[in-house]
C-alpha atoms as a PDB file:
ATOM      1  CA  MET A   1      -5.886   8.716  10.262  1.00  0.00           C
ATOM      2  CA  SER A   2      -4.853  11.486   7.944  1.00  0.00           C
ATOM      3  CA  PRO A   3      -5.972  11.574   4.303  1.00  0.00           C
ATOM      4  CA  GLN A   4      -2.354  11.171   3.215  1.00  0.00           C
ATOM      5  CA  ASN A   5      -1.930   7.978   5.269  1.00  0.00           C
ATOM      6  CA  LEU A   6      -5.219   6.605   3.983  1.00  0.00           C
ATOM      7  CA  ASN A   7      -4.181   7.309   0.389  1.00  0.00           C
ATOM      8  CA  ALA A   8      -0.797   5.672   0.972  1.00  0.00           C
ATOM      9  CA  ILE A   9      -2.405   2.508   2.366  1.00  0.00           C
ATOM     10  CA  CYS A  10      -4.953   2.297  -0.462  1.00  0.00           C
ATOM     11  CA  ARG A  11      -2.315   2.894  -3.118  1.00  0.00           C
ATOM     12  CA  LYS A  12      -0.100   0.226  -1.572  1.00  0.00           C
ATOM     13  CA  ASN A  13      -2.891  -2.368  -1.514  1.00  0.00           C
ATOM     14  CA  SER A  14      -4.867  -1.522  -4.639  1.00  0.00           C
ATOM     15  CA  ASN A  15      -2.774   0.946  -6.666  1.00  0.00           C
ATOM     16  CA  ASN A  16      -5.643   3.447  -6.362  1.00  0.00           C
ATOM     17  CA  PRO A  17      -6.203   6.492  -4.161  1.00  0.00           C
ATOM     18  CA  HIS A  18      -8.803   6.001  -1.440  1.00  0.00           C
ATOM     19  CA  LEU A  19     -11.615   7.723  -3.356  1.00  0.00           C
ATOM     20  CA  LYS A  20     -11.186   5.410  -6.343  1.00  0.00           C
ATOM     21  CA  TYR A  21     -10.921   2.433  -3.976  1.00  0.00           C
ATOM     22  CA  TRP A  22     -14.286   3.259  -2.342  1.00  0.00           C
ATOM     23  CA  GLN A  23     -15.898   4.007  -5.708  1.00  0.00           C
ATOM     24  CA  ASN A  24     -14.910   0.524  -6.867  1.00  0.00           C
ATOM     25  CA  ILE A  25     -16.407  -1.056  -3.754  1.00  0.00           C
ATOM     26  CA  LEU A  26     -19.617   0.926  -4.228  1.00  0.00           C
ATOM     27  CA  LEU A  27     -19.854  -0.138  -7.871  1.00  0.00           C
ATOM     28  CA  VAL A  28     -19.459  -3.796  -6.914  1.00  0.00           C
ATOM     29  CA  LYS A  29     -22.300  -3.422  -4.403  1.00  0.00           C
ATOM     30  CA  GLN A  30     -24.454  -1.643  -6.971  1.00  0.00           C
ATOM     31  CA  LYS A  31     -23.903  -4.327  -9.590  1.00  0.00           C
ATOM     32  CA  ASP A  32     -24.500  -7.074  -7.057  1.00  0.00           C
ATOM     33  CA  ASN A  33     -27.782  -5.515  -5.940  1.00  0.00           C
ATOM     34  CA  CYS A  34     -28.962  -5.071  -9.524  1.00  0.00           C
ATOM     35  CA  TYR A  35     -28.072  -8.637 -10.392  1.00  0.00           C
ATOM     36  CA  THR A  36     -29.126 -10.559  -7.291  1.00  0.00           C
ATOM     37  CA  THR A  37     -32.178  -8.763  -5.878  1.00  0.00           C
ATOM     38  CA  GLU A  38     -35.674  -8.123  -7.106  1.00  0.00           C
ATOM     39  CA  ASN A  39     -35.673  -4.653  -5.498  1.00  0.00           C
ATOM     40  CA  SER A  40     -36.560  -1.715  -7.693  1.00  0.00           C
ATOM     41  CA  ILE A  41     -33.810   0.644  -8.804  1.00  0.00           C
ATOM     42  CA  SER A  42     -35.191   3.226  -6.362  1.00  0.00           C
ATOM     43  CA  GLU A  43     -34.959   0.735  -3.480  1.00  0.00           C
ATOM     44  CA  ILE A  44     -31.402  -0.162  -4.407  1.00  0.00           C
ATOM     45  CA  ALA A  45     -30.485   3.530  -4.543  1.00  0.00           C
ATOM     46  CA  PHE A  46     -32.028   4.124  -1.121  1.00  0.00           C
ATOM     47  CA  ASN A  47     -30.300   1.057   0.379  1.00  0.00           C
ATOM     48  CA  LEU A  48     -26.939   2.361  -0.875  1.00  0.00           C
ATOM     49  CA  ASN A  49     -27.602   5.810   0.666  1.00  0.00           C
ATOM     50  CA  PHE A  50     -28.318   7.681  -2.548  1.00  0.00           C
ATOM     51  CA  ASN A  51     -30.851  10.419  -1.827  1.00  0.00           C
ATOM     52  CA  ASP A  52     -32.195  10.363  -5.364  1.00  0.00           C
ATOM     53  CA  SER A  53     -32.638   7.410  -7.693  1.00  0.00           C
ATOM     54  CA  SER A  54     -31.888   9.583 -10.730  1.00  0.00           C
ATOM     55  CA  TYR A  55     -28.496  10.477  -9.244  1.00  0.00           C
ATOM     56  CA  PHE A  56     -27.887   6.775  -8.613  1.00  0.00           C
ATOM     57  CA  THR A  57     -28.693   6.044 -12.261  1.00  0.00           C
ATOM     58  CA  LYS A  58     -26.346   8.811 -13.482  1.00  0.00           C
ATOM     59  CA  TYR A  59     -23.573   7.614 -11.162  1.00  0.00           C
ATOM     60  CA  PHE A  60     -23.991   4.004 -12.278  1.00  0.00           C
ATOM     61  CA  LYS A  61     -24.042   4.930 -15.959  1.00  0.00           C
ATOM     62  CA  ARG A  62     -20.947   7.144 -15.621  1.00  0.00           C
ATOM     63  CA  TYR A  63     -18.826   4.300 -14.254  1.00  0.00           C
ATOM     64  CA  VAL A  64     -20.416   1.219 -15.823  1.00  0.00           C
ATOM     65  CA  GLY A  65     -21.460   2.657 -19.181  1.00  0.00           C
ATOM     66  CA  ILE A  66     -25.097   1.574 -19.053  1.00  0.00           C
ATOM     67  CA  THR A  67     -28.045   2.260 -16.779  1.00  0.00           C
ATOM     68  CA  PRO A  68     -28.862  -0.048 -13.867  1.00  0.00           C
ATOM     69  CA  LYS A  69     -32.033  -1.131 -15.653  1.00  0.00           C
ATOM     70  CA  SER A  70     -30.061  -2.115 -18.780  1.00  0.00           C
ATOM     71  CA  PHE A  71     -27.487  -3.874 -16.616  1.00  0.00           C
ATOM     72  CA  ARG A  72     -30.226  -5.855 -14.917  1.00  0.00           C
ATOM     73  CA  GLU A  73     -31.766  -6.870 -18.272  1.00  0.00           C
ATOM     74  CA  MET A  74     -28.457  -8.256 -19.591  1.00  0.00           C
END
């Protein structure tokens, strides 16, 4: 499938380009893992294929507005 076709399908179904669509799915998984598991932030990062837990924290904070630790404490 070409990138253009993938973008067209994602825009049709979610009004977002494919990158934004996958970012949203990843954020849902991140939030779910922070909320429902007792795993450490480093374990969650590793399970979601982040090579570095600090990058995971920066990514999470950029899109959610708070760190995973703060999200978990809420």
